[in-house]
Structure formats: structure tokens, C-alpha cells
Protein backbone atom coordinates (compact mmCIF):
# COMPACT_ATOMS: atom_id res chain seq x y z
CA MET A 1 4.04 16.00 8.68
CA LYS A 2 4.63 12.30 9.30
CA ILE A 3 3.15 9.82 6.83
CA LEU A 4 3.07 6.05 7.36
CA VAL A 5 2.32 3.58 4.56
CA VAL A 6 1.38 0.10 5.82
CA VAL A 7 0.74 -2.63 3.26
CA GLY A 8 0.74 -6.36 2.86
CA HIS A 9 3.27 -6.54 0.04
CA GLY A 10 5.90 -4.36 -1.53
CA ASP A 11 4.24 -2.95 -4.69
CA ASP A 12 0.85 -2.33 -3.02
CA GLU A 13 2.14 1.07 -1.97
CA THR A 14 3.14 2.08 -5.49
CA GLN A 15 0.05 0.76 -7.25
CA GLY A 16 -2.35 2.19 -4.69
CA ALA A 17 -0.69 5.35 -3.42
CA GLY A 18 2.43 6.06 -5.47
CA GLY A 19 1.15 9.47 -6.51
CA ALA A 20 0.18 10.40 -2.97
CA ILE A 21 3.55 9.27 -1.62
CA ALA A 22 5.37 11.32 -4.25
CA TYR A 23 3.20 14.31 -3.35
CA HIS A 24 4.01 14.05 0.35
CA THR A 25 7.74 13.66 -0.18
CA ALA A 26 7.73 16.64 -2.59
CA GLN A 27 6.07 18.67 0.17
CA GLY A 28 8.88 17.75 2.55
CA ASP A 29 6.81 15.31 4.61
CA GLU A 30 8.52 12.36 6.28
CA VAL A 31 7.20 9.16 4.71
CA TRP A 32 7.94 5.72 6.14
CA GLY A 33 6.75 2.40 4.75
CA ILE A 34 6.14 -1.03 6.25
CA HIS A 35 5.17 -4.16 4.36
CA PHE A 36 4.24 -7.35 6.19
CA THR A 37 5.38 -10.09 3.78
CA ASP A 38 7.91 -10.70 1.02
CA GLY A 39 5.08 -10.74 -1.52
CA VAL A 40 6.22 -13.93 -3.24
CA GLY A 41 6.36 -16.73 -0.66
CA SER A 42 2.94 -18.15 -1.52
CA ARG A 43 4.17 -18.89 -5.07
CA TYR A 44 6.72 -21.47 -3.92
CA ASP A 45 6.73 -24.66 -1.94
CA SER A 46 9.39 -26.10 0.36
CA GLY A 47 11.10 -27.85 -2.54
CA THR A 48 12.00 -24.58 -4.21
CA LEU A 49 13.56 -22.71 -1.29
CA ASP A 50 16.42 -21.31 -3.40
CA GLU A 51 14.01 -19.97 -6.02
CA TRP A 52 11.87 -18.47 -3.27
CA SER A 53 14.87 -16.76 -1.67
CA ALA A 54 16.00 -15.38 -5.02
CA ALA A 55 12.53 -14.05 -5.82
CA ALA A 56 12.19 -12.47 -2.37
CA ALA A 57 15.57 -10.76 -2.75
CA GLU A 58 14.58 -9.47 -6.19
CA ARG A 59 11.29 -8.16 -4.83
CA GLN A 60 13.06 -6.36 -1.99
CA LEU A 61 15.47 -4.71 -4.42
CA ALA A 62 12.48 -3.60 -6.48
CA ALA A 63 10.79 -2.19 -3.37
CA ASN A 64 13.90 -0.21 -2.50
CA ALA A 65 14.17 1.11 -6.05
CA ALA A 66 10.52 2.18 -6.00
CA ALA A 67 11.07 3.91 -2.67
CA ASP A 68 14.01 5.82 -4.16
CA GLU A 69 11.81 6.96 -7.06
CA LEU A 70 9.03 8.13 -4.76
CA GLY A 71 11.33 9.53 -2.09
CA PHE A 72 10.26 7.52 0.95
CA ILE A 73 12.00 5.13 3.35
CA TRP A 74 11.10 1.53 4.07
CA LYS A 75 11.22 1.21 7.84
CA VAL A 76 10.54 -2.54 7.73
CA HIS A 77 10.66 -5.26 5.07
CA GLY A 78 8.47 -7.84 6.80
CA ASP A 79 8.86 -11.58 6.46
CA LEU A 80 5.51 -12.82 7.76
CA PRO A 81 3.90 -15.61 5.68
CA ASP A 82 2.79 -14.31 2.31
CA ASN A 83 -0.93 -14.66 1.56
CA GLN A 84 -1.29 -16.49 4.85
CA LEU A 85 -1.63 -13.75 7.45
CA ASP A 86 -4.94 -15.36 8.43
CA THR A 87 -2.92 -18.26 9.83
CA ILE A 88 -1.43 -15.78 12.30
CA GLY A 89 -4.59 -13.81 12.99
CA GLU A 90 -5.45 -10.21 13.80
CA LYS A 91 -3.96 -10.23 17.29
CA GLU A 92 -0.51 -11.40 16.20
CA CYS A 93 -0.48 -9.13 13.13
CA ALA A 94 -1.35 -6.18 15.36
CA SER A 95 1.33 -7.15 17.89
CA TRP A 96 3.93 -7.34 15.12
CA LEU A 97 2.92 -3.95 13.73
CA SER A 98 2.90 -2.41 17.20
CA GLU A 99 6.54 -3.41 17.66
CA GLN A 100 7.52 -1.83 14.33
CA VAL A 101 5.93 1.55 15.07
CA LYS A 102 7.00 2.04 18.68
CA GLY A 103 7.75 5.72 19.21
CA TYR A 104 6.39 6.73 15.81
CA ASP A 105 3.17 8.74 15.66
CA PRO A 106 2.12 9.42 12.07
CA ASP A 107 -0.31 12.13 11.06
CA ILE A 108 -1.74 10.21 8.09
CA ILE A 109 -1.71 6.47 7.38
CA TYR A 110 -2.19 4.88 3.97
CA THR A 111 -3.11 1.22 4.08
CA ASN A 112 -4.92 -1.59 2.27
CA TYR A 113 -8.69 -1.65 1.87
CA TYR A 114 -10.61 -3.59 4.51
CA ALA A 115 -12.76 -5.59 2.07
CA ASP A 116 -10.10 -6.56 -0.49
CA LEU A 117 -10.11 -10.02 -2.00
CA ASN A 118 -6.53 -10.54 -0.79
CA VAL A 119 -6.54 -11.89 2.76
CA ASP A 120 -3.25 -10.19 3.67
CA HIS A 121 -4.74 -6.81 2.79
CA ARG A 122 -7.67 -7.37 5.11
CA LEU A 123 -5.43 -8.45 7.99
CA VAL A 124 -3.10 -5.48 7.48
CA TYR A 125 -6.04 -3.10 7.66
CA ALA A 126 -7.28 -4.78 10.84
CA ALA A 127 -3.83 -4.46 12.41
CA VAL A 128 -3.68 -0.76 11.54
CA ARG A 129 -7.08 -0.12 13.10
CA ILE A 130 -6.09 -1.98 16.27
CA VAL A 131 -2.69 -0.37 16.72
CA PHE A 132 -3.76 3.16 15.87
CA ARG A 133 -6.88 3.39 17.96
CA PRO A 134 -7.06 6.86 19.57
CA ILE A 135 -5.90 5.64 22.98
CA ARG A 136 -2.74 6.09 25.05
CA GLY A 137 -2.07 9.47 23.50
CA ARG A 138 -2.26 8.39 19.85
CA LYS A 139 -3.85 11.06 17.66
CA CYS A 140 -3.39 9.91 14.08
CA SER A 141 -5.46 12.43 12.14
CA GLU A 142 -6.50 10.22 9.23
CA ILE A 143 -6.46 6.66 7.91
CA ARG A 144 -6.85 6.29 4.14
CA CYS A 145 -7.44 2.97 2.39
CA MET A 146 -5.95 2.56 -1.09
CA GLU A 147 -7.08 0.47 -4.04
CA VAL A 148 -4.77 -2.21 -5.39
CA PRO A 149 -5.63 -3.71 -8.79
CA ARG A 150 -6.72 -7.36 -8.81
CA ALA A 151 -7.60 -7.19 -5.12
CA THR A 152 -9.83 -4.17 -4.62
CA GLU A 153 -12.03 -4.55 -7.71
CA TRP A 154 -12.89 -8.05 -6.51
CA CYS A 155 -13.64 -7.04 -2.94
CA ARG A 156 -16.72 -8.20 -1.07
CA SER A 157 -19.77 -7.14 -3.06
CA SER A 158 -21.40 -5.80 0.09
CA GLU A 159 -18.50 -3.38 0.64
CA PRO A 160 -17.47 -1.92 -2.74
CA PHE A 161 -14.58 0.53 -2.92
CA ASN A 162 -16.21 3.97 -3.22
CA PRO A 163 -13.58 6.72 -2.85
CA ASN A 164 -14.46 9.67 -0.65
CA CYS A 165 -10.99 11.22 -0.82
CA TYR A 166 -8.89 11.97 -3.90
CA MET A 167 -5.29 13.00 -4.47
CA GLU A 168 -4.57 14.78 -7.74
CA VAL A 169 -1.78 13.12 -9.69
CA THR A 170 -0.04 15.82 -11.69
CA PRO A 171 2.14 14.93 -14.70
CA ALA A 172 5.23 15.12 -12.48
CA LEU A 173 3.67 12.84 -9.87
CA TRP A 174 2.55 10.39 -12.54
CA ARG A 175 6.09 10.22 -13.92
CA ALA A 176 7.40 9.38 -10.45
CA LYS A 177 4.70 6.76 -9.96
CA LYS A 178 5.29 5.27 -13.39
CA GLU A 179 9.03 4.94 -12.77
CA ALA A 180 8.33 3.31 -9.40
CA LEU A 181 5.88 0.90 -11.04
CA GLU A 182 8.54 0.00 -13.60
CA ALA A 183 10.88 -0.89 -10.75
CA TYR A 184 8.41 -3.71 -10.06
CA SER A 185 8.65 -4.94 -13.65
CA MET A 186 8.29 -8.56 -12.51
CA GLU A 187 4.79 -7.75 -11.23
CA LEU A 188 3.55 -5.71 -14.19
CA THR A 189 1.36 -7.44 -16.76
CA GLN A 190 -0.08 -6.68 -20.19
CA PRO A 191 -3.56 -5.36 -21.05
CA PRO A 192 -6.30 -6.19 -20.43
CA ASP A 193 -4.91 -7.26 -17.05
CA LEU A 194 -5.56 -4.70 -14.32
CA ALA A 195 -1.91 -4.65 -13.19
CA SER A 196 -0.65 -3.36 -16.53
CA LEU A 197 0.75 0.16 -16.86
CA GLU A 198 -1.93 1.01 -19.39
CA LEU A 199 -4.81 0.08 -17.09
CA LEU A 200 -3.18 1.66 -14.05
CA GLU A 201 -2.99 4.87 -16.05
CA ALA A 202 -6.61 4.42 -17.13
CA LEU A 203 -7.61 4.02 -13.47
CA ALA A 204 -5.82 7.27 -12.61
CA ILE A 205 -7.67 9.02 -15.44
CA ARG A 206 -10.98 7.63 -14.24
CA ARG A 207 -10.38 8.76 -10.66
CA GLY A 208 -9.33 12.13 -12.05
CA GLY A 209 -12.60 12.40 -13.97
CA GLU A 210 -14.55 11.59 -10.82
CA SER A 211 -12.84 14.40 -8.94
CA GLY A 212 -12.52 17.07 -11.65
CA VAL A 213 -8.84 16.79 -12.55
CA MET A 214 -6.95 14.95 -15.28
CA MET A 215 -5.55 12.18 -13.07
CA ALA A 216 -5.98 11.19 -9.44
CA GLU A 217 -5.77 8.39 -6.90
CA GLY A 218 -8.87 7.49 -4.95
CA PHE A 219 -8.98 6.57 -1.27
CA VAL A 220 -11.54 5.64 1.33
CA SER A 221 -10.96 7.79 4.40
CA VAL A 222 -12.14 5.62 7.28
CA ARG A 223 -11.28 7.97 10.12
CA ARG A 224 -10.43 11.65 10.16
CA LEU A 225 -9.70 13.99 13.06
CA ILE A 226 -9.80 17.76 12.58
CA THR A 227 -8.28 19.82 15.38
């Protein structure tokens, strides 16, 4: 099975779907990842180009380390403007993604949630929906939206994140996810912040309780084809 993970920033994939990615790779599935931006550019201005470059390089090393822990391959480290994908727009984001996935037809896609507070997440989702419409022979069987702390909880109130699909996170999968999260140490925070290890674990326990297991990740399945 071919799995594609498409996110705005390196670390979204681990926070939102690290357990699922580790599950797929353990099953022998081929998992590729694409992130659109360097994840740090919006924190710097033109007067701190060297600091920006150093932070982007550090973030890419962290992304590669997380991928090694989870067992997947980054197909593309994107360099589109961080937290400014709206300045490019849906059409250009979709065109960029289309170029990256030429010749690749995934069975399942994991991506950002369409109503997230973060504008990049919303544009990434829109690009995925455009590129992977069931036309021209594409038959992606499912698109699953993940939840990313500090973006999904604060989504549009009219479109709350209500999982309809869960992936059990076994102790072994949690260990893999935890080690991948620790690779992004520069992005982890302390409680009560939602991006702390403690609260990420609490979220996994909550999603597990909702689905009848000890720990889980929750997803919104927005399209599913059964053949």
C-alpha cells in the first residue's frame, strides 16, 4: 500500500499522525512525506537571514530524524513561504503539489484539517483536494485529516474537529512517535501548552478512550472509496 503524508510544516506529520505513520511502515507500506514550507520563515524578517537559514536547516535535520524514527521518506522539503501560503493561493499551491506527486498514486493520504486556525494548513488541504480529485485515472481510496495541537483546537467554531476514524497507538507505536517528537525538541513546549509531550500523550489517551483502546490518533475521513 502507498501512503502519502502532505502537511504544511515538518512536525505536523509527527504531532498529528506519527502513530499512524509508524503503523503503516511497520506493516511494510510505502510512506512518502511532503511539507510545503520550512516551518520557521515567518519568525524572521529580512534582517535576520542568517538566523533564518540556520533555523530552517535545523528544522530540516529534525524532520529527517523524525522520518528515520517513524520509518518514512520525505519526498520533498518544500520552501514555499511559511505561514503565507494564502499569498500564493489555492491554484498555485495545487500546481506546486501536482508537480511533486507526478507519477505517484497513493492509496491513503494524511493531511492537515481544512478548518485549522493555521492558514498554511487550510491551503495544504485545499491543494490535496484539488490534486487528488477522482479524475484522469486517480483513485485514491481515502483522505484523512489529522489534528495538530495549537491549530486544530482553535479551528473555525462552525467546523469543529470531530474524528470519525481512529488509529490505535500501541505502546510500541507511541514509543516511535515519542522519539520522533523529541527529534523536534525545538518545537516542543512545557505544560499546560498543547504542544508539550505530556499533553500530546493526554490527547492520545483521550482519543483512545473515545474509540475503546488505551491510546489512539483521531482523524476526519473526508473521502473514502471502497472497491
